[in-house]
Amino acid sequence: MLQCNVVRFFPPNQEEEKEDFDNDEEEPNYDPSWPHLQLVYEFFLRFMESADFQPSLCKKHCDQKFVLQIMSLFNSDDPRERDMLKTMLHRIYGKFLGLRSFIRKNINYIFLRYIFEGEPCNGVAEFLEILGSIINGFAVPLKQEHRYFLLKVLIPLHKPRGIATYHAQLAYCIVQFVEKDPSLTEPTILGLLKLWPKTNSAKEVMLLGEIEEILDIIEPAQFKKVMLPFILKCSRKAVSSPQFQVAERALYFWNNEYVMSLIEEHSRAIMPIMFQLST
């Protein structure tokens, strides 16, 4: 039923990727067939959430091919459909243990094609929401494949111009990883600083907010490793920025009590740099 009524191909998106930081002003594209699609989705979700649902009996139908078909639908322009697909894929991930690795790997491939080949993907935010829940359940110590995913996929996801559409979800995933494994703090912050924009003030503001989220949970030993690159970037490139929103956002660091306590602990190394940059 789902394959006959929902699975379909979308025409190639000919529009260039928009770098739109005021997404509320843009009207979403609603699919006129949504009332029909919604009934099918809700029927399938109720079926999966039923107390009598037995994954072992459905394995031959809910296989890798079926999962790929569901994941291809995340390119829908209708946010209502993508939200429903997000719930559905999350349920499949929870019910079918044998498909978990397959789902993670294919989300990985979708992100890599989006980052490095420019392949359009409307469902990046929804995929990241699913991953946020998955990452929260990772056991520690983290597997090497999970560390690789952070460093080689999630951090490069800051490159595309459309980052504003999914940055909140991306930052949540990044913070989850750092909480799980504090040793990832240094490569994460250095990776973000390496991707610092030169002329995009809106993206600078987002990155400053994300770094502050990481600093809120950083361990003192890890802060010592990144304090000089952090101070140099956030002082020279942010506090002294001619764009007032960037400078204002950078100054918020000095209102953060925990960040200030870390800076005070290493004031002998940090303050000379601050005074040097202010002259």
C-alpha atoms as a PDB file:
ATOM      1  CA  MET A   1       0.000   0.000   0.000  1.00  0.00           C
ATOM      2  CA  LEU A   2       2.746   2.426   0.931  1.00  0.00           C
ATOM      3  CA  GLN A   3       4.747   1.731  -2.206  1.00  0.00           C
ATOM      4  CA  CYS A   4       1.723   2.138  -4.472  1.00  0.00           C
ATOM      5  CA  ASN A   5       0.455   5.364  -2.906  1.00  0.00           C
ATOM      6  CA  VAL A   6       3.510   7.209  -1.573  1.00  0.00           C
ATOM      7  CA  VAL A   7       6.725   6.081  -3.264  1.00  0.00           C
ATOM      8  CA  ARG A   8       7.336   8.281  -6.301  1.00  0.00           C
ATOM      9  CA  PHE A   9      10.084  10.145  -8.106  1.00  0.00           C
ATOM     10  CA  PHE A  10      10.564  13.884  -7.811  1.00  0.00           C
ATOM     11  CA  PRO A  11      11.635  16.001 -10.801  1.00  0.00           C
ATOM     12  CA  PRO A  12      15.195  17.362 -10.629  1.00  0.00           C
ATOM     13  CA  ASN A  13      15.456  20.624  -8.741  1.00  0.00           C
ATOM     14  CA  GLN A  14      16.723  23.141 -11.246  1.00  0.00           C
ATOM     15  CA  GLU A  15      16.921  26.040  -8.817  1.00  0.00           C
ATOM     16  CA  GLU A  16      20.262  27.009  -7.359  1.00  0.00           C
ATOM     17  CA  GLU A  17      20.764  26.407  -3.679  1.00  0.00           C
ATOM     18  CA  LYS A  18      19.592  29.462  -1.804  1.00  0.00           C
ATOM     19  CA  GLU A  19      21.565  31.087   0.933  1.00  0.00           C
ATOM     20  CA  ASP A  20      18.495  32.323   2.750  1.00  0.00           C
ATOM     21  CA  PHE A  21      18.812  33.272   6.405  1.00  0.00           C
ATOM     22  CA  ASP A  22      15.217  34.534   6.702  1.00  0.00           C
ATOM     23  CA  ASN A  23      13.462  31.282   5.942  1.00  0.00           C
ATOM     24  CA  ASP A  24      10.241  32.344   7.652  1.00  0.00           C
ATOM     25  CA  GLU A  25       9.597  34.780   4.829  1.00  0.00           C
ATOM     26  CA  GLU A  26       9.605  32.038   2.191  1.00  0.00           C
ATOM     27  CA  GLU A  27       6.356  30.164   1.667  1.00  0.00           C
ATOM     28  CA  PRO A  28       6.822  26.369   1.746  1.00  0.00           C
ATOM     29  CA  ASN A  29       5.683  24.353  -1.250  1.00  0.00           C
ATOM     30  CA  TYR A  30       2.684  22.313  -0.174  1.00  0.00           C
ATOM     31  CA  ASP A  31       1.827  19.183  -2.147  1.00  0.00           C
ATOM     32  CA  PRO A  32      -1.844  19.304  -3.281  1.00  0.00           C
ATOM     33  CA  SER A  33      -2.046  15.525  -2.836  1.00  0.00           C
ATOM     34  CA  TRP A  34      -1.098  15.748   0.856  1.00  0.00           C
ATOM     35  CA  PRO A  35      -4.572  14.825   2.248  1.00  0.00           C
ATOM     36  CA  HIS A  36      -4.275  11.481   0.462  1.00  0.00           C
ATOM     37  CA  LEU A  37      -0.609  10.982   1.379  1.00  0.00           C
ATOM     38  CA  GLN A  38      -1.303  11.847   5.006  1.00  0.00           C
ATOM     39  CA  LEU A  39      -3.881   9.061   5.323  1.00  0.00           C
ATOM     40  CA  VAL A  40      -1.398   6.500   4.006  1.00  0.00           C
ATOM     41  CA  TYR A  41       1.409   7.705   6.278  1.00  0.00           C
ATOM     42  CA  GLU A  42      -0.786   7.752   9.371  1.00  0.00           C
ATOM     43  CA  PHE A  43      -2.117   4.264   8.614  1.00  0.00           C
ATOM     44  CA  PHE A  44       1.431   2.915   8.322  1.00  0.00           C
ATOM     45  CA  LEU A  45       2.574   4.650  11.532  1.00  0.00           C
ATOM     46  CA  ARG A  46      -0.408   3.322  13.493  1.00  0.00           C
ATOM     47  CA  PHE A  47       0.392  -0.130  12.152  1.00  0.00           C
ATOM     48  CA  MET A  48       4.027   0.100  13.318  1.00  0.00           C
ATOM     49  CA  GLU A  49       3.074   1.526  16.720  1.00  0.00           C
ATOM     50  CA  SER A  50       0.483  -1.168  17.367  1.00  0.00           C
ATOM     51  CA  ALA A  51       1.100  -3.407  20.368  1.00  0.00           C
ATOM     52  CA  ASP A  52       0.610  -6.425  18.080  1.00  0.00           C
ATOM     53  CA  PHE A  53       3.270  -5.339  15.580  1.00  0.00           C
ATOM     54  CA  GLN A  54       5.954  -8.013  15.120  1.00  0.00           C
ATOM     55  CA  PRO A  55       9.093  -6.847  13.273  1.00  0.00           C
ATOM     56  CA  SER A  56      10.160 -10.439  12.589  1.00  0.00           C
ATOM     57  CA  LEU A  57       7.085 -10.963  10.404  1.00  0.00           C
ATOM     58  CA  CYS A  58       7.658  -7.766   8.449  1.00  0.00           C
ATOM     59  CA  LYS A  59      11.367  -8.174   7.676  1.00  0.00           C
ATOM     60  CA  LYS A  60      10.777  -9.444   4.152  1.00  0.00           C
ATOM     61  CA  HIS A  61       8.732  -6.329   3.347  1.00  0.00           C
ATOM     62  CA  CYS A  62      10.622  -3.683   5.326  1.00  0.00           C
ATOM     63  CA  ASP A  63      13.993  -4.385   3.755  1.00  0.00           C
ATOM     64  CA  GLN A  64      16.899  -2.255   2.508  1.00  0.00           C
ATOM     65  CA  LYS A  65      15.152  -1.508  -0.777  1.00  0.00           C
ATOM     66  CA  PHE A  66      12.094  -0.236   1.076  1.00  0.00           C
ATOM     67  CA  VAL A  67      14.250   1.941   3.351  1.00  0.00           C
ATOM     68  CA  LEU A  68      16.003   3.494   0.329  1.00  0.00           C
ATOM     69  CA  GLN A  69      12.621   4.309  -1.187  1.00  0.00           C
ATOM     70  CA  ILE A  70      11.517   5.994   2.042  1.00  0.00           C
ATOM     71  CA  MET A  71      14.765   7.972   2.288  1.00  0.00           C
ATOM     72  CA  SER A  72      14.419   9.191  -1.306  1.00  0.00           C
ATOM     73  CA  LEU A  73      11.094  10.798  -0.341  1.00  0.00           C
ATOM     74  CA  PHE A  74      12.911  13.183   2.013  1.00  0.00           C
ATOM     75  CA  ASN A  75      13.542  15.311  -1.078  1.00  0.00           C
ATOM     76  CA  SER A  76       9.884  16.318  -1.035  1.00  0.00           C
ATOM     77  CA  ASP A  77       9.252  20.061  -1.035  1.00  0.00           C
ATOM     78  CA  ASP A  78       6.370  19.658   1.417  1.00  0.00           C
ATOM     79  CA  PRO A  79       7.593  20.091   5.028  1.00  0.00           C
ATOM     80  CA  ARG A  80       4.565  18.162   6.312  1.00  0.00           C
ATOM     81  CA  GLU A  81       5.576  15.096   4.351  1.00  0.00           C
ATOM     82  CA  ARG A  82       9.214  15.353   5.454  1.00  0.00           C
ATOM     83  CA  ASP A  83       8.098  15.590   9.093  1.00  0.00           C
ATOM     84  CA  MET A  84       5.991  12.464   8.693  1.00  0.00           C
ATOM     85  CA  LEU A  85       8.863  10.661   6.962  1.00  0.00           C
ATOM     86  CA  LYS A  86      11.161  11.647   9.837  1.00  0.00           C
ATOM     87  CA  THR A  87       8.837   9.945  12.320  1.00  0.00           C
ATOM     88  CA  MET A  88       8.480   6.902  10.077  1.00  0.00           C
ATOM     89  CA  LEU A  89      12.222   6.409   9.527  1.00  0.00           C
ATOM     90  CA  HIS A  90      12.827   6.848  13.254  1.00  0.00           C
ATOM     91  CA  ARG A  91      10.265   4.122  13.992  1.00  0.00           C
ATOM     92  CA  ILE A  92      11.899   1.802  11.456  1.00  0.00           C
ATOM     93  CA  TYR A  93      15.303   2.475  13.036  1.00  0.00           C
ATOM     94  CA  GLY A  94      13.935   1.574  16.459  1.00  0.00           C
ATOM     95  CA  LYS A  95      11.981  -1.533  15.398  1.00  0.00           C
ATOM     96  CA  PHE A  96      14.392  -3.166  12.944  1.00  0.00           C
ATOM     97  CA  LEU A  97      17.798  -3.569  14.558  1.00  0.00           C
ATOM     98  CA  GLY A  98      19.320  -5.124  11.454  1.00  0.00           C
ATOM     99  CA  LEU A  99      18.655  -1.970   9.433  1.00  0.00           C
ATOM    100  CA  ARG A 100      20.274   0.494  11.832  1.00  0.00           C
ATOM    101  CA  SER A 101      23.764   0.437  10.354  1.00  0.00           C
ATOM    102  CA  PHE A 102      22.321   0.552   6.841  1.00  0.00           C
ATOM    103  CA  ILE A 103      20.241   3.650   7.657  1.00  0.00           C
ATOM    104  CA  ARG A 104      23.196   5.479   9.244  1.00  0.00           C
ATOM    105  CA  LYS A 105      25.459   4.701   6.296  1.00  0.00           C
ATOM    106  CA  ASN A 106      22.936   5.918   3.748  1.00  0.00           C
ATOM    107  CA  ILE A 107      22.332   9.153   5.644  1.00  0.00           C
ATOM    108  CA  ASN A 108      26.125   9.479   5.561  1.00  0.00           C
ATOM    109  CA  TYR A 109      26.150   9.031   1.760  1.00  0.00           C
ATOM    110  CA  ILE A 110      23.308  11.534   1.289  1.00  0.00           C
ATOM    111  CA  PHE A 111      25.199  14.149   3.305  1.00  0.00           C
ATOM    112  CA  LEU A 112      28.467  13.550   1.438  1.00  0.00           C
ATOM    113  CA  ARG A 113      26.761  13.954  -1.938  1.00  0.00           C
ATOM    114  CA  TYR A 114      25.087  17.115  -0.668  1.00  0.00           C
ATOM    115  CA  ILE A 115      28.367  18.583   0.630  1.00  0.00           C
ATOM    116  CA  PHE A 116      30.841  17.640  -2.066  1.00  0.00           C
ATOM    117  CA  GLU A 117      28.732  17.072  -5.179  1.00  0.00           C
ATOM    118  CA  GLY A 118      26.080  19.723  -4.605  1.00  0.00           C
ATOM    119  CA  GLU A 119      23.252  17.200  -4.912  1.00  0.00           C
ATOM    120  CA  PRO A 120      20.022  18.853  -3.661  1.00  0.00           C
ATOM    121  CA  CYS A 121      18.518  17.483  -0.464  1.00  0.00           C
ATOM    122  CA  ASN A 122      15.494  19.091   1.171  1.00  0.00           C
ATOM    123  CA  GLY A 123      15.564  16.735   4.125  1.00  0.00           C
ATOM    124  CA  VAL A 124      18.911  17.568   5.743  1.00  0.00           C
ATOM    125  CA  ALA A 125      17.253  19.086   8.822  1.00  0.00           C
ATOM    126  CA  GLU A 126      14.964  16.074   9.263  1.00  0.00           C
ATOM    127  CA  PHE A 127      17.833  13.595   8.874  1.00  0.00           C
ATOM    128  CA  LEU A 128      19.799  15.542  11.491  1.00  0.00           C
ATOM    129  CA  GLU A 129      16.852  15.425  13.897  1.00  0.00           C
ATOM    130  CA  ILE A 130      16.805  11.649  13.582  1.00  0.00           C
ATOM    131  CA  LEU A 131      20.572  11.524  14.083  1.00  0.00           C
ATOM    132  CA  GLY A 132      20.320  13.718  17.170  1.00  0.00           C
ATOM    133  CA  SER A 133      18.212  11.041  18.838  1.00  0.00           C
ATOM    134  CA  ILE A 134      20.466   8.242  17.548  1.00  0.00           C
ATOM    135  CA  ILE A 135      23.664   9.932  18.766  1.00  0.00           C
ATOM    136  CA  ASN A 136      22.098  10.410  22.184  1.00  0.00           C
ATOM    137  CA  GLY A 137      21.859   6.621  22.454  1.00  0.00           C
ATOM    138  CA  PHE A 138      25.430   5.849  21.387  1.00  0.00           C
ATOM    139  CA  ALA A 139      27.415   3.851  23.909  1.00  0.00           C
ATOM    140  CA  VAL A 140      30.774   5.136  25.103  1.00  0.00           C
ATOM    141  CA  PRO A 141      33.547   4.855  24.204  1.00  0.00           C
ATOM    142  CA  LEU A 142      32.395   5.855  20.735  1.00  0.00           C
ATOM    143  CA  LYS A 143      33.143   3.574  17.821  1.00  0.00           C
ATOM    144  CA  GLN A 144      35.623   4.785  15.234  1.00  0.00           C
ATOM    145  CA  GLU A 145      32.877   4.982  12.599  1.00  0.00           C
ATOM    146  CA  HIS A 146      30.950   7.414  14.801  1.00  0.00           C
ATOM    147  CA  ARG A 147      34.002   9.622  15.345  1.00  0.00           C
ATOM    148  CA  TYR A 148      34.620   9.554  11.604  1.00  0.00           C
ATOM    149  CA  PHE A 149      31.031  10.643  10.982  1.00  0.00           C
ATOM    150  CA  LEU A 150      31.485  13.683  13.200  1.00  0.00           C
ATOM    151  CA  LEU A 151      34.818  14.808  11.776  1.00  0.00           C
ATOM    152  CA  LYS A 152      34.299  13.935   8.097  1.00  0.00           C
ATOM    153  CA  VAL A 153      30.569  14.519   7.633  1.00  0.00           C
ATOM    154  CA  LEU A 154      28.957  16.684  10.325  1.00  0.00           C
ATOM    155  CA  ILE A 155      31.683  19.328  10.495  1.00  0.00           C
ATOM    156  CA  PRO A 156      31.884  19.672   6.673  1.00  0.00           C
ATOM    157  CA  LEU A 157      28.094  20.155   6.714  1.00  0.00           C
ATOM    158  CA  HIS A 158      28.923  23.729   7.745  1.00  0.00           C
ATOM    159  CA  LYS A 159      30.226  24.376   4.213  1.00  0.00           C
ATOM    160  CA  PRO A 160      27.035  24.462   2.076  1.00  0.00           C
ATOM    161  CA  ARG A 161      25.336  27.779   1.526  1.00  0.00           C
ATOM    162  CA  GLY A 162      22.014  26.451   2.767  1.00  0.00           C
ATOM    163  CA  ILE A 163      23.258  25.853   6.302  1.00  0.00           C
ATOM    164  CA  ALA A 164      20.660  28.206   7.779  1.00  0.00           C
ATOM    165  CA  THR A 165      17.912  25.681   7.054  1.00  0.00           C
ATOM    166  CA  TYR A 166      19.442  23.025   9.303  1.00  0.00           C
ATOM    167  CA  HIS A 167      22.029  24.685  11.555  1.00  0.00           C
ATOM    168  CA  ALA A 168      20.055  24.283  14.788  1.00  0.00           C
ATOM    169  CA  GLN A 169      19.785  20.524  14.279  1.00  0.00           C
ATOM    170  CA  LEU A 170      23.433  20.285  13.196  1.00  0.00           C
ATOM    171  CA  ALA A 171      24.667  22.154  16.271  1.00  0.00           C
ATOM    172  CA  TYR A 172      22.635  19.836  18.506  1.00  0.00           C
ATOM    173  CA  CYS A 173      24.315  16.774  16.953  1.00  0.00           C
ATOM    174  CA  ILE A 174      27.762  18.328  17.353  1.00  0.00           C
ATOM    175  CA  VAL A 175      27.166  19.094  21.033  1.00  0.00           C
ATOM    176  CA  GLN A 176      25.878  15.535  21.590  1.00  0.00           C
ATOM    177  CA  PHE A 177      29.151  14.128  20.266  1.00  0.00           C
ATOM    178  CA  VAL A 178      31.283  16.429  22.426  1.00  0.00           C
ATOM    179  CA  GLU A 179      29.263  15.468  25.505  1.00  0.00           C
ATOM    180  CA  LYS A 180      29.748  11.785  24.733  1.00  0.00           C
ATOM    181  CA  ASP A 181      33.496  12.078  24.121  1.00  0.00           C
ATOM    182  CA  PRO A 182      35.299  15.178  25.469  1.00  0.00           C
ATOM    183  CA  SER A 183      38.417  14.274  23.459  1.00  0.00           C
ATOM    184  CA  LEU A 184      36.473  15.298  20.347  1.00  0.00           C
ATOM    185  CA  THR A 185      36.275  18.894  21.593  1.00  0.00           C
ATOM    186  CA  GLU A 186      39.614  19.999  20.153  1.00  0.00           C
ATOM    187  CA  PRO A 187      39.172  18.640  16.596  1.00  0.00           C
ATOM    188  CA  THR A 188      35.578  19.874  16.566  1.00  0.00           C
ATOM    189  CA  ILE A 189      36.355  23.483  17.527  1.00  0.00           C
ATOM    190  CA  LEU A 190      39.449  23.609  15.313  1.00  0.00           C
ATOM    191  CA  GLY A 191      37.366  22.213  12.454  1.00  0.00           C
ATOM    192  CA  LEU A 192      34.727  24.919  12.928  1.00  0.00           C
ATOM    193  CA  LEU A 193      37.369  27.657  13.114  1.00  0.00           C
ATOM    194  CA  LYS A 194      38.940  26.343   9.915  1.00  0.00           C
ATOM    195  CA  LEU A 195      35.598  26.776   8.130  1.00  0.00           C
ATOM    196  CA  TRP A 196      35.134  30.334   9.391  1.00  0.00           C
ATOM    197  CA  PRO A 197      33.488  32.500   6.702  1.00  0.00           C
ATOM    198  CA  LYS A 198      35.266  35.587   5.403  1.00  0.00           C
ATOM    199  CA  THR A 199      32.321  37.665   4.171  1.00  0.00           C
ATOM    200  CA  ASN A 200      29.197  35.912   5.473  1.00  0.00           C
ATOM    201  CA  SER A 201      28.220  37.682   8.690  1.00  0.00           C
ATOM    202  CA  ALA A 202      25.036  35.657   9.235  1.00  0.00           C
ATOM    203  CA  LYS A 203      27.040  32.442   9.162  1.00  0.00           C
ATOM    204  CA  GLU A 204      29.585  33.948  11.574  1.00  0.00           C
ATOM    205  CA  VAL A 205      26.799  34.645  14.053  1.00  0.00           C
ATOM    206  CA  MET A 206      25.597  31.047  13.794  1.00  0.00           C
ATOM    207  CA  LEU A 207      29.092  29.630  14.317  1.00  0.00           C
ATOM    208  CA  LEU A 208      29.672  31.877  17.316  1.00  0.00           C
ATOM    209  CA  GLY A 209      26.481  30.564  18.884  1.00  0.00           C
ATOM    210  CA  GLU A 210      27.472  26.971  18.172  1.00  0.00           C
ATOM    211  CA  ILE A 211      30.945  27.419  19.678  1.00  0.00           C
ATOM    212  CA  GLU A 212      29.412  28.914  22.809  1.00  0.00           C
ATOM    213  CA  GLU A 213      27.188  25.830  23.137  1.00  0.00           C
ATOM    214  CA  ILE A 214      30.316  23.675  23.021  1.00  0.00           C
ATOM    215  CA  LEU A 215      32.130  25.898  25.511  1.00  0.00           C
ATOM    216  CA  ASP A 216      29.198  25.543  27.914  1.00  0.00           C
ATOM    217  CA  ILE A 217      30.037  21.848  28.306  1.00  0.00           C
ATOM    218  CA  ILE A 218      33.786  21.887  27.658  1.00  0.00           C
ATOM    219  CA  GLU A 219      36.158  20.439  30.240  1.00  0.00           C
ATOM    220  CA  PRO A 220      38.936  22.752  31.541  1.00  0.00           C
ATOM    221  CA  ALA A 221      41.652  20.459  30.173  1.00  0.00           C
ATOM    222  CA  GLN A 222      40.095  20.599  26.710  1.00  0.00           C
ATOM    223  CA  PHE A 223      39.668  24.377  26.855  1.00  0.00           C
ATOM    224  CA  LYS A 224      43.385  24.772  27.409  1.00  0.00           C
ATOM    225  CA  LYS A 225      44.015  23.054  24.062  1.00  0.00           C
ATOM    226  CA  VAL A 226      41.751  25.360  22.052  1.00  0.00           C
ATOM    227  CA  MET A 227      41.878  28.640  23.976  1.00  0.00           C
ATOM    228  CA  LEU A 228      44.457  30.397  21.792  1.00  0.00           C
ATOM    229  CA  PRO A 229      42.816  29.608  18.415  1.00  0.00           C
ATOM    230  CA  PHE A 230      39.444  30.455  19.961  1.00  0.00           C
ATOM    231  CA  ILE A 231      40.598  33.804  21.358  1.00  0.00           C
ATOM    232  CA  LEU A 232      42.395  34.761  18.159  1.00  0.00           C
ATOM    233  CA  LYS A 233      39.386  34.018  15.978  1.00  0.00           C
ATOM    234  CA  CYS A 234      36.713  35.414  18.252  1.00  0.00           C
ATOM    235  CA  SER A 235      38.740  38.554  18.991  1.00  0.00           C
ATOM    236  CA  ARG A 236      40.376  39.421  15.719  1.00  0.00           C
ATOM    237  CA  LYS A 237      37.616  38.204  13.421  1.00  0.00           C
ATOM    238  CA  ALA A 238      34.535  38.692  15.552  1.00  0.00           C
ATOM    239  CA  VAL A 239      34.824  41.275  18.318  1.00  0.00           C
ATOM    240  CA  SER A 240      36.559  43.692  15.957  1.00  0.00           C
ATOM    241  CA  SER A 241      34.204  42.900  13.074  1.00  0.00           C
ATOM    242  CA  PRO A 242      32.694  45.939  11.288  1.00  0.00           C
ATOM    243  CA  GLN A 243      29.393  44.036  11.215  1.00  0.00           C
ATOM    244  CA  PHE A 244      27.668  44.957  14.485  1.00  0.00           C
ATOM    245  CA  GLN A 245      25.720  41.678  14.834  1.00  0.00           C
ATOM    246  CA  VAL A 246      28.925  39.632  14.664  1.00  0.00           C
ATOM    247  CA  ALA A 247      30.708  41.881  17.165  1.00  0.00           C
ATOM    248  CA  GLU A 248      27.694  41.869  19.485  1.00  0.00           C
ATOM    249  CA  ARG A 249      27.395  38.074  19.364  1.00  0.00           C
ATOM    250  CA  ALA A 250      31.121  37.673  20.102  1.00  0.00           C
ATOM    251  CA  LEU A 251      30.836  39.959  23.121  1.00  0.00           C
ATOM    252  CA  TYR A 252      28.181  37.638  24.579  1.00  0.00           C
ATOM    253  CA  PHE A 253      30.991  35.224  25.420  1.00  0.00           C
ATOM    254  CA  TRP A 254      32.078  37.676  28.122  1.00  0.00           C
ATOM    255  CA  ASN A 255      28.628  37.430  29.724  1.00  0.00           C
ATOM    256  CA  ASN A 256      28.908  33.656  30.032  1.00  0.00           C
ATOM    257  CA  GLU A 257      29.975  32.885  33.599  1.00  0.00           C
ATOM    258  CA  TYR A 258      31.452  29.471  32.819  1.00  0.00           C
ATOM    259  CA  VAL A 259      33.426  30.742  29.821  1.00  0.00           C
ATOM    260  CA  MET A 260      34.688  33.661  31.898  1.00  0.00           C
ATOM    261  CA  SER A 261      35.838  31.293  34.643  1.00  0.00           C
ATOM    262  CA  LEU A 262      37.840  29.339  32.049  1.00  0.00           C
ATOM    263  CA  ILE A 263      39.363  32.543  30.662  1.00  0.00           C
ATOM    264  CA  GLU A 264      40.255  33.774  34.153  1.00  0.00           C
ATOM    265  CA  GLU A 265      41.998  30.483  34.875  1.00  0.00           C
ATOM    266  CA  HIS A 266      44.274  31.097  31.874  1.00  0.00           C
ATOM    267  CA  SER A 267      44.311  34.892  32.011  1.00  0.00           C
ATOM    268  CA  ARG A 268      48.117  35.120  31.897  1.00  0.00           C
ATOM    269  CA  ALA A 269      48.097  33.601  28.412  1.00  0.00           C
ATOM    270  CA  ILE A 270      44.844  35.102  27.116  1.00  0.00           C
ATOM    271  CA  MET A 271      44.810  38.721  28.299  1.00  0.00           C
ATOM    272  CA  PRO A 272      48.087  39.797  26.570  1.00  0.00           C
ATOM    273  CA  ILE A 273      46.546  38.580  23.305  1.00  0.00           C
ATOM    274  CA  MET A 274      43.360  40.502  23.971  1.00  0.00           C
ATOM    275  CA  PHE A 275      45.212  43.729  24.721  1.00  0.00           C
ATOM    276  CA  GLN A 276      47.460  43.259  21.717  1.00  0.00           C
ATOM    277  CA  LEU A 277      44.483  42.834  19.395  1.00  0.00           C
ATOM    278  CA  SER A 278      42.646  45.824  20.847  1.00  0.00           C
ATOM    279  CA  THR A 279      45.506  48.245  20.081  1.00  0.00           C
END
